[in-house]
Amino acid sequence: MFVPFLLALSTAITTVYGKKNISYALWAILLVVILLTFNHHATSTLNLSF
């Protein structure tokens, strides 16, 4: 769970310093990592009994 936050911080820092191409690349990588994390955690059903 540390990687998405590190990528988000890196993206914000590169955006502040005006590194446009690197910022777009990091944003795309961040999007892929978040989607993969969501897919990993949201694919199984919860076994709840109320």
PDB file of N, CA and C in Angstrom:
ATOM      1  N   MET A   1       0.811  -1.198   0.000  1.00  0.00           N
ATOM      2  CA  MET A   1       0.000   0.000   0.000  1.00  0.00           C
ATOM      3  C   MET A   1       0.856   1.263   0.000  1.00  0.00           C
ATOM      4  N   PHE A   2       2.131   1.122   0.094  1.00  0.00           N
ATOM      5  CA  PHE A   2       3.016   2.282   0.122  1.00  0.00           C
ATOM      6  C   PHE A   2       3.268   2.838  -1.282  1.00  0.00           C
ATOM      7  N   VAL A   3       3.254   1.968  -2.275  1.00  0.00           N
ATOM      8  CA  VAL A   3       3.618   2.362  -3.644  1.00  0.00           C
ATOM      9  C   VAL A   3       2.679   3.423  -4.218  1.00  0.00           C
ATOM     10  N   PRO A   4       1.341   3.293  -4.111  1.00  0.00           N
ATOM     11  CA  PRO A   4       0.490   4.352  -4.669  1.00  0.00           C
ATOM     12  C   PRO A   4       0.744   5.724  -4.042  1.00  0.00           C
ATOM     13  N   PHE A   5       0.976   5.749  -2.738  1.00  0.00           N
ATOM     14  CA  PHE A   5       1.232   7.031  -2.083  1.00  0.00           C
ATOM     15  C   PHE A   5       2.579   7.617  -2.498  1.00  0.00           C
ATOM     16  N   LEU A   6       3.571   6.774  -2.657  1.00  0.00           N
ATOM     17  CA  LEU A   6       4.873   7.239  -3.122  1.00  0.00           C
ATOM     18  C   LEU A   6       4.777   7.768  -4.553  1.00  0.00           C
ATOM     19  N   LEU A   7       4.035   7.073  -5.395  1.00  0.00           N
ATOM     20  CA  LEU A   7       3.846   7.544  -6.768  1.00  0.00           C
ATOM     21  C   LEU A   7       3.067   8.856  -6.802  1.00  0.00           C
ATOM     22  N   ALA A   8       2.056   8.986  -5.957  1.00  0.00           N
ATOM     23  CA  ALA A   8       1.284  10.231  -5.911  1.00  0.00           C
ATOM     24  C   ALA A   8       2.158  11.398  -5.452  1.00  0.00           C
ATOM     25  N   LEU A   9       2.993  11.157  -4.458  1.00  0.00           N
ATOM     26  CA  LEU A   9       3.909  12.198  -3.993  1.00  0.00           C
ATOM     27  C   LEU A   9       4.904  12.574  -5.088  1.00  0.00           C
ATOM     28  N   SER A  10       5.447  11.577  -5.762  1.00  0.00           N
ATOM     29  CA  SER A  10       6.395  11.841  -6.849  1.00  0.00           C
ATOM     30  C   SER A  10       5.730  12.611  -7.978  1.00  0.00           C
ATOM     31  N   THR A  11       4.492  12.262  -8.287  1.00  0.00           N
ATOM     32  CA  THR A  11       3.755  12.967  -9.331  1.00  0.00           C
ATOM     33  C   THR A  11       3.524  14.421  -8.938  1.00  0.00           C
ATOM     34  N   ALA A  12       3.144  14.651  -7.696  1.00  0.00           N
ATOM     35  CA  ALA A  12       2.916  16.022  -7.233  1.00  0.00           C
ATOM     36  C   ALA A  12       4.206  16.839  -7.258  1.00  0.00           C
ATOM     37  N   ILE A  13       5.294  16.235  -6.844  1.00  0.00           N
ATOM     38  CA  ILE A  13       6.577  16.952  -6.832  1.00  0.00           C
ATOM     39  C   ILE A  13       7.021  17.300  -8.249  1.00  0.00           C
ATOM     40  N   THR A  14       6.905  16.347  -9.174  1.00  0.00           N
ATOM     41  CA  THR A  14       7.312  16.642 -10.551  1.00  0.00           C
ATOM     42  C   THR A  14       6.386  17.664 -11.199  1.00  0.00           C
ATOM     43  N   THR A  15       5.121  17.693 -10.787  1.00  0.00           N
ATOM     44  CA  THR A  15       4.206  18.705 -11.309  1.00  0.00           C
ATOM     45  C   THR A  15       4.594  20.093 -10.803  1.00  0.00           C
ATOM     46  N   VAL A  16       4.941  20.189  -9.533  1.00  0.00           N
ATOM     47  CA  VAL A  16       5.335  21.477  -8.955  1.00  0.00           C
ATOM     48  C   VAL A  16       6.599  22.008  -9.624  1.00  0.00           C
ATOM     49  N   TYR A  17       7.540  21.125  -9.924  1.00  0.00           N
ATOM     50  CA  TYR A  17       8.790  21.556 -10.548  1.00  0.00           C
ATOM     51  C   TYR A  17       8.697  21.703 -12.060  1.00  0.00           C
ATOM     52  N   GLY A  18       7.521  21.465 -12.636  1.00  0.00           N
ATOM     53  CA  GLY A  18       7.307  21.714 -14.051  1.00  0.00           C
ATOM     54  C   GLY A  18       7.814  20.639 -14.987  1.00  0.00           C
ATOM     55  N   LYS A  19       8.048  19.452 -14.497  1.00  0.00           N
ATOM     56  CA  LYS A  19       8.488  18.334 -15.341  1.00  0.00           C
ATOM     57  C   LYS A  19       7.245  17.668 -15.934  1.00  0.00           C
ATOM     58  N   LYS A  20       6.762  18.240 -17.029  1.00  0.00           N
ATOM     59  CA  LYS A  20       5.461  17.850 -17.570  1.00  0.00           C
ATOM     60  C   LYS A  20       5.432  16.405 -18.054  1.00  0.00           C
ATOM     61  N   ASN A  21       6.409  15.981 -18.829  1.00  0.00           N
ATOM     62  CA  ASN A  21       6.396  14.627 -19.389  1.00  0.00           C
ATOM     63  C   ASN A  21       6.544  13.558 -18.311  1.00  0.00           C
ATOM     64  N   ILE A  22       7.438  13.791 -17.373  1.00  0.00           N
ATOM     65  CA  ILE A  22       7.619  12.827 -16.281  1.00  0.00           C
ATOM     66  C   ILE A  22       6.357  12.772 -15.420  1.00  0.00           C
ATOM     67  N   SER A  23       5.730  13.914 -15.227  1.00  0.00           N
ATOM     68  CA  SER A  23       4.510  13.968 -14.433  1.00  0.00           C
ATOM     69  C   SER A  23       3.395  13.154 -15.080  1.00  0.00           C
ATOM     70  N   TYR A  24       3.236  13.281 -16.384  1.00  0.00           N
ATOM     71  CA  TYR A  24       2.217  12.490 -17.088  1.00  0.00           C
ATOM     72  C   TYR A  24       2.521  10.999 -17.012  1.00  0.00           C
ATOM     73  N   ALA A  25       3.775  10.641 -17.145  1.00  0.00           N
ATOM     74  CA  ALA A  25       4.150   9.222 -17.080  1.00  0.00           C
ATOM     75  C   ALA A  25       3.888   8.659 -15.689  1.00  0.00           C
ATOM     76  N   LEU A  26       4.263   9.403 -14.656  1.00  0.00           N
ATOM     77  CA  LEU A  26       4.016   8.942 -13.290  1.00  0.00           C
ATOM     78  C   LEU A  26       2.523   8.863 -12.991  1.00  0.00           C
ATOM     79  N   TRP A  27       1.750   9.802 -13.523  1.00  0.00           N
ATOM     80  CA  TRP A  27       0.305   9.761 -13.327  1.00  0.00           C
ATOM     81  C   TRP A  27      -0.285   8.513 -13.961  1.00  0.00           C
ATOM     82  N   ALA A  28       0.175   8.164 -15.161  1.00  0.00           N
ATOM     83  CA  ALA A  28      -0.320   6.962 -15.837  1.00  0.00           C
ATOM     84  C   ALA A  28       0.059   5.701 -15.059  1.00  0.00           C
ATOM     85  N   ILE A  29       1.283   5.655 -14.554  1.00  0.00           N
ATOM     86  CA  ILE A  29       1.714   4.503 -13.750  1.00  0.00           C
ATOM     87  C   ILE A  29       0.890   4.428 -12.469  1.00  0.00           C
ATOM     88  N   LEU A  30       0.642   5.574 -11.850  1.00  0.00           N
ATOM     89  CA  LEU A  30      -0.180   5.614 -10.638  1.00  0.00           C
ATOM     90  C   LEU A  30      -1.584   5.093 -10.914  1.00  0.00           C
ATOM     91  N   LEU A  31      -2.165   5.479 -12.027  1.00  0.00           N
ATOM     92  CA  LEU A  31      -3.500   5.005 -12.390  1.00  0.00           C
ATOM     93  C   LEU A  31      -3.522   3.493 -12.553  1.00  0.00           C
ATOM     94  N   VAL A  32      -2.523   2.944 -13.217  1.00  0.00           N
ATOM     95  CA  VAL A  32      -2.448   1.494 -13.410  1.00  0.00           C
ATOM     96  C   VAL A  32      -2.290   0.780 -12.072  1.00  0.00           C
ATOM     97  N   VAL A  33      -1.432   1.293 -11.208  1.00  0.00           N
ATOM     98  CA  VAL A  33      -1.214   0.662  -9.900  1.00  0.00           C
ATOM     99  C   VAL A  33      -2.496   0.694  -9.070  1.00  0.00           C
ATOM    100  N   ILE A  34      -3.205   1.807  -9.087  1.00  0.00           N
ATOM    101  CA  ILE A  34      -4.449   1.906  -8.319  1.00  0.00           C
ATOM    102  C   ILE A  34      -5.503   0.957  -8.872  1.00  0.00           C
ATOM    103  N   LEU A  35      -5.618   0.873 -10.194  1.00  0.00           N
ATOM    104  CA  LEU A  35      -6.595  -0.043 -10.785  1.00  0.00           C
ATOM    105  C   LEU A  35      -6.251  -1.496 -10.500  1.00  0.00           C
ATOM    106  N   LEU A  36      -4.982  -1.846 -10.545  1.00  0.00           N
ATOM    107  CA  LEU A  36      -4.578  -3.217 -10.217  1.00  0.00           C
ATOM    108  C   LEU A  36      -4.830  -3.533  -8.742  1.00  0.00           C
ATOM    109  N   THR A  37      -4.565  -2.574  -7.879  1.00  0.00           N
ATOM    110  CA  THR A  37      -4.835  -2.775  -6.457  1.00  0.00           C
ATOM    111  C   THR A  37      -6.327  -2.946  -6.207  1.00  0.00           C
ATOM    112  N   PHE A  38      -7.134  -2.120  -6.855  1.00  0.00           N
ATOM    113  CA  PHE A  38      -8.585  -2.248  -6.715  1.00  0.00           C
ATOM    114  C   PHE A  38      -9.061  -3.597  -7.231  1.00  0.00           C
ATOM    115  N   ASN A  39      -8.553  -4.014  -8.371  1.00  0.00           N
ATOM    116  CA  ASN A  39      -8.942  -5.306  -8.939  1.00  0.00           C
ATOM    117  C   ASN A  39      -8.536  -6.453  -8.017  1.00  0.00           C
ATOM    118  N   HIS A  40      -7.401  -6.345  -7.393  1.00  0.00           N
ATOM    119  CA  HIS A  40      -6.929  -7.394  -6.488  1.00  0.00           C
ATOM    120  C   HIS A  40      -7.817  -7.505  -5.247  1.00  0.00           C
ATOM    121  N   HIS A  41      -8.257  -6.367  -4.732  1.00  0.00           N
ATOM    122  CA  HIS A  41      -9.006  -6.368  -3.481  1.00  0.00           C
ATOM    123  C   HIS A  41     -10.516  -6.449  -3.668  1.00  0.00           C
ATOM    124  N   ALA A  42     -11.023  -6.161  -4.852  1.00  0.00           N
ATOM    125  CA  ALA A  42     -12.475  -6.093  -5.036  1.00  0.00           C
ATOM    126  C   ALA A  42     -13.041  -7.255  -5.842  1.00  0.00           C
ATOM    127  N   THR A  43     -12.255  -8.255  -6.146  1.00  0.00           N
ATOM    128  CA  THR A  43     -12.753  -9.337  -6.992  1.00  0.00           C
ATOM    129  C   THR A  43     -13.414 -10.460  -6.212  1.00  0.00           C
ATOM    130  N   SER A  44     -13.157 -10.579  -4.938  1.00  0.00           N
ATOM    131  CA  SER A  44     -13.779 -11.659  -4.168  1.00  0.00           C
ATOM    132  C   SER A  44     -14.966 -11.115  -3.372  1.00  0.00           C
ATOM    133  N   THR A  45     -15.945 -11.969  -3.171  1.00  0.00           N
ATOM    134  CA  THR A  45     -17.124 -11.552  -2.417  1.00  0.00           C
ATOM    135  C   THR A  45     -16.868 -11.695  -0.922  1.00  0.00           C
ATOM    136  N   LEU A  46     -17.546 -10.879  -0.175  1.00  0.00           N
ATOM    137  CA  LEU A  46     -17.432 -10.948   1.275  1.00  0.00           C
ATOM    138  C   LEU A  46     -18.417 -11.981   1.807  1.00  0.00           C
ATOM    139  N   ASN A  47     -17.982 -12.752   2.759  1.00  0.00           N
ATOM    140  CA  ASN A  47     -18.827 -13.775   3.360  1.00  0.00           C
ATOM    141  C   ASN A  47     -19.424 -13.206   4.647  1.00  0.00           C
ATOM    142  N   LEU A  48     -20.483 -12.397   4.477  1.00  0.00           N
ATOM    143  CA  LEU A  48     -21.108 -11.749   5.625  1.00  0.00           C
ATOM    144  C   LEU A  48     -22.400 -12.460   5.992  1.00  0.00           C
ATOM    145  N   SER A  49     -22.663 -12.540   7.274  1.00  0.00           N
ATOM    146  CA  SER A  49     -23.909 -13.130   7.729  1.00  0.00           C
ATOM    147  C   SER A  49     -24.475 -12.262   8.842  1.00  0.00           C
ATOM    148  N   PHE A  50     -25.653 -11.716   8.587  1.00  0.00           N
ATOM    149  CA  PHE A  50     -26.289 -10.813   9.558  1.00  0.00           C
ATOM    150  C   PHE A  50     -27.442 -11.494  10.228  1.00  0.00           C
TER     151      PHE A  50
END
